[in-house]
Protein backbone atom coordinates (compact mmCIF):
# COMPACT_ATOMS: atom_id res chain seq x y z
CA MET A 1 -3.73 -8.72 -21.95
CA SER A 2 -1.77 -10.79 -19.45
CA ASP A 3 1.58 -9.25 -20.37
CA GLU A 4 0.09 -5.75 -20.34
CA ALA A 5 -1.47 -6.30 -16.90
CA TRP A 6 1.79 -7.77 -15.55
CA GLN A 7 3.76 -4.83 -16.95
CA ALA A 8 1.34 -2.30 -15.42
CA PHE A 9 1.46 -4.19 -12.10
CA SER A 10 5.26 -4.35 -12.10
CA GLU A 11 5.67 -0.61 -12.70
CA ARG A 12 3.58 0.43 -9.69
CA VAL A 13 4.37 0.56 -6.01
CA ALA A 14 3.00 -2.53 -4.26
CA TYR A 15 1.98 -3.61 -0.78
CA VAL A 16 4.47 -6.35 0.15
CA ASP A 17 3.97 -8.61 3.16
CA HIS A 18 3.38 -12.17 4.40
CA LEU A 19 -0.30 -12.38 5.32
CA PRO A 20 -2.93 -15.07 5.75
CA LEU A 21 -4.22 -15.65 2.19
CA ALA A 22 -6.70 -17.96 0.56
CA LEU A 23 -8.43 -18.35 -2.80
CA LEU A 24 -12.15 -19.09 -2.67
CA PRO A 25 -14.41 -19.88 -5.61
CA ARG A 26 -16.86 -17.15 -6.56
CA ASP A 27 -20.33 -18.61 -6.77
CA ALA A 28 -22.47 -16.57 -9.15
CA GLY A 29 -25.52 -16.35 -6.90
CA LEU A 30 -23.76 -16.15 -3.53
CA GLU A 31 -23.18 -12.41 -3.24
CA SER A 32 -23.84 -9.48 -5.48
CA ALA A 33 -20.95 -7.45 -6.81
CA ALA A 34 -22.35 -4.37 -5.03
CA HIS A 35 -22.36 -6.20 -1.68
CA VAL A 36 -18.77 -7.38 -2.13
CA GLU A 37 -17.67 -3.88 -3.13
CA GLU A 38 -19.44 -2.34 -0.11
CA ARG A 39 -17.79 -4.83 2.25
CA ASN A 40 -14.36 -4.23 0.69
CA LEU A 41 -14.80 -0.47 1.10
CA HIS A 42 -15.71 -1.04 4.74
CA VAL A 43 -12.59 -3.19 5.27
CA LEU A 44 -10.33 -0.64 3.55
CA ASN A 45 -11.80 2.19 5.67
CA THR A 46 -11.35 0.04 8.78
CA LEU A 47 -7.71 -0.59 7.92
CA ALA A 48 -7.18 3.14 7.39
CA ALA A 49 -8.81 3.97 10.73
CA LEU A 50 -6.78 1.38 12.63
CA GLU A 51 -3.50 2.36 11.01
CA GLU A 52 -4.15 6.06 11.52
CA ARG A 53 -1.63 7.74 13.73
CA ARG A 54 -2.95 10.34 16.11
CA ASN A 55 -2.00 13.85 15.07
CA GLU A 56 -1.51 16.62 17.55
CA PRO A 57 -4.77 18.55 17.68
CA ALA A 58 -4.76 22.02 16.24
CA ASP A 59 -5.86 25.04 18.26
CA ASP A 60 -9.05 25.49 16.27
CA SER A 61 -12.57 24.66 17.48
CA ASN A 62 -12.77 21.67 15.13
CA ALA A 63 -10.07 19.74 17.01
CA VAL A 64 -12.47 18.31 19.59
CA MET A 65 -14.98 17.27 16.91
CA GLN A 66 -12.22 15.64 14.84
CA GLU A 67 -10.99 13.71 17.87
CA LEU A 68 -14.54 12.57 18.71
CA GLN A 69 -15.06 11.45 15.11
CA ARG A 70 -11.79 9.52 15.17
CA LEU A 71 -12.76 7.80 18.42
CA ASP A 72 -16.24 7.05 17.10
CA ASN A 73 -14.75 5.44 13.97
CA LYS A 74 -12.44 3.27 16.06
CA LEU A 75 -15.28 2.25 18.39
CA ASN A 76 -17.41 1.22 15.40
CA VAL A 77 -14.48 -0.83 14.11
CA LEU A 78 -14.05 -2.55 17.47
CA VAL A 79 -17.74 -3.43 17.67
CA ASP A 80 -17.57 -4.89 14.16
CA ILE A 81 -14.42 -6.88 14.97
CA VAL A 82 -15.91 -8.35 18.14
CA GLY A 83 -19.04 -9.34 16.25
CA ARG A 84 -17.01 -11.12 13.59
CA LEU A 85 -14.72 -12.79 16.13
CA LEU A 86 -17.75 -14.37 17.77
CA SER A 87 -18.71 -15.99 14.48
CA PRO A 88 -17.60 -19.64 14.03
CA ASP A 89 -15.46 -18.86 10.97
CA ALA A 90 -12.47 -17.52 12.89
CA ASP A 91 -9.79 -19.84 11.46
CA LEU A 92 -7.13 -18.07 9.44
CA PRO A 93 -5.51 -19.47 6.31
CA PRO A 94 -1.70 -19.90 6.36
CA ARG A 95 0.58 -16.91 5.83
CA GLN A 96 1.80 -16.49 2.27
CA ALA A 97 3.93 -13.97 0.41
CA LEU A 98 1.84 -11.23 -1.16
CA ARG A 99 2.59 -8.32 -3.45
CA LEU A 100 -0.56 -6.27 -4.07
CA ASN A 101 -1.61 -3.08 -5.80
CA ALA A 102 -4.73 -1.80 -7.57
CA ILE A 103 -3.86 -3.74 -10.76
CA GLY A 104 -3.37 -7.21 -9.32
CA ALA A 105 -1.54 -9.44 -6.89
CA GLU A 106 1.46 -11.70 -7.03
CA ILE A 107 0.81 -14.78 -4.88
CA PRO A 108 2.54 -18.15 -4.46
CA ALA A 109 1.86 -20.46 -7.38
CA SER A 110 0.79 -23.13 -4.88
CA LEU A 111 -2.38 -21.10 -4.16
CA ARG A 112 -3.53 -21.33 -7.77
CA PRO A 113 -6.31 -23.86 -8.20
CA ASP A 114 -6.17 -26.44 -10.99
CA GLU A 115 -9.46 -25.26 -12.46
CA ALA A 116 -9.97 -21.97 -14.24
CA GLY A 117 -12.80 -19.82 -13.03
CA ALA A 118 -13.77 -16.84 -10.95
CA TYR A 119 -12.26 -16.59 -7.46
CA PHE A 120 -11.90 -14.29 -4.49
CA LEU A 121 -8.48 -13.52 -3.05
CA LYS A 122 -9.17 -13.44 0.69
CA ILE A 123 -6.58 -11.37 2.57
CA HIS A 124 -6.43 -11.06 6.37
CA PHE A 125 -4.36 -8.01 7.37
CA ASP A 126 -2.56 -8.20 10.72
CA VAL A 127 -4.04 -4.97 12.03
CA CYS A 128 -7.56 -6.42 11.62
CA ARG A 129 -7.53 -10.16 11.03
CA ALA A 130 -11.27 -10.55 11.68
CA LEU A 131 -12.21 -8.46 8.61
CA PRO A 132 -10.78 -10.04 5.45
CA LEU A 133 -10.56 -8.20 2.17
CA MET A 134 -12.31 -10.31 -0.50
CA LEU A 135 -11.00 -9.20 -3.89
CA PRO A 136 -12.48 -10.72 -7.05
CA VAL A 137 -9.63 -11.97 -9.27
CA ARG A 138 -8.97 -13.72 -12.55
CA PHE A 139 -5.89 -15.74 -13.36
CA ASP A 140 -3.02 -14.96 -15.64
CA PRO A 141 -0.12 -17.30 -16.48
CA ILE A 142 2.33 -18.22 -13.74
CA GLN A 143 5.28 -15.87 -13.67
CA PRO A 144 8.89 -17.10 -13.86
CA SER A 145 9.48 -16.09 -10.23
CA GLY A 146 7.40 -19.07 -9.11
CA HIS A 147 4.51 -16.87 -8.10
CA GLY A 148 1.13 -16.65 -9.70
CA PHE A 149 -0.14 -13.34 -10.96
CA VAL A 150 -3.83 -12.61 -10.57
CA THR A 151 -5.49 -9.57 -12.05
CA LEU A 152 -8.04 -7.80 -9.90
CA ASP A 153 -11.54 -7.90 -11.29
CA VAL A 154 -12.75 -4.92 -9.25
CA SER A 155 -15.49 -2.92 -10.93
CA GLY A 156 -15.74 0.01 -8.52
CA GLN A 157 -13.38 2.96 -8.65
CA ALA A 158 -13.73 3.49 -4.89
CA VAL A 159 -12.18 0.09 -4.07
CA GLN A 160 -9.30 0.71 -6.48
CA GLU A 161 -8.65 4.10 -4.88
CA GLY A 162 -8.83 2.52 -1.41
CA LEU A 163 -6.25 -0.06 -2.47
CA GLU A 164 -4.00 2.67 -3.83
CA ARG A 165 -4.22 4.52 -0.50
CA LEU A 166 -3.44 1.29 1.40
CA VAL A 167 -0.37 0.68 -0.78
CA PHE A 168 0.76 4.30 -0.42
CA ARG A 169 0.39 4.24 3.39
CA GLN A 170 2.49 1.07 3.66
CA HIS A 171 5.13 2.45 1.30
CA ARG A 172 5.28 5.75 3.21
CA ARG A 173 5.55 3.86 6.53
CA LYS A 174 8.41 1.69 5.22
CA VAL A 175 10.29 4.73 3.92
CA ALA A 176 9.87 6.48 7.29
CA GLU A 177 11.07 3.36 9.15
CA ALA A 178 14.10 3.10 6.88
CA ARG A 179 14.96 6.75 7.43
CA HIS A 180 14.50 6.38 11.19
CA ALA A 181 16.71 3.25 11.25
CA GLY A 182 19.39 5.10 9.29
CA ILE A 183 19.52 8.02 11.76
């Protein structure tokens, strides 16, 4: 299974960055899987809203409603961020190398705990550090590159699709930046 998951992970486009990362133990009774999935969907939607670039409005009657909806989404995000910033848990973990897609994540081997078990990979994205993504993971053997590979243990299809969109947006942005730098 480990080799198959690593192979599937390696063949897909991945989100690559240095972000504040931490591994936290998953306590069985702490949060339900549905609650974690709902929060992760909220964080992925927040990231999409904050990274969204404003398009020129079309000449149709829907343009004003679309712009109001976009502003409403961003206002909701800001209210949520302020609420979370006021909470006492505002310390960020150190930045670490991360390679992420809907299959798993490649993280520094130093993040791997000594004990096997169920963990959350807590990721703070720069665009919205106050809302961490808490992905349930399970461990696979350490890869030769010196990084640890963790397989995502996400049950919901919506979170996997949200991760795929996040990866695609970053990849598209990097390609556009490379083309712009080459011009």
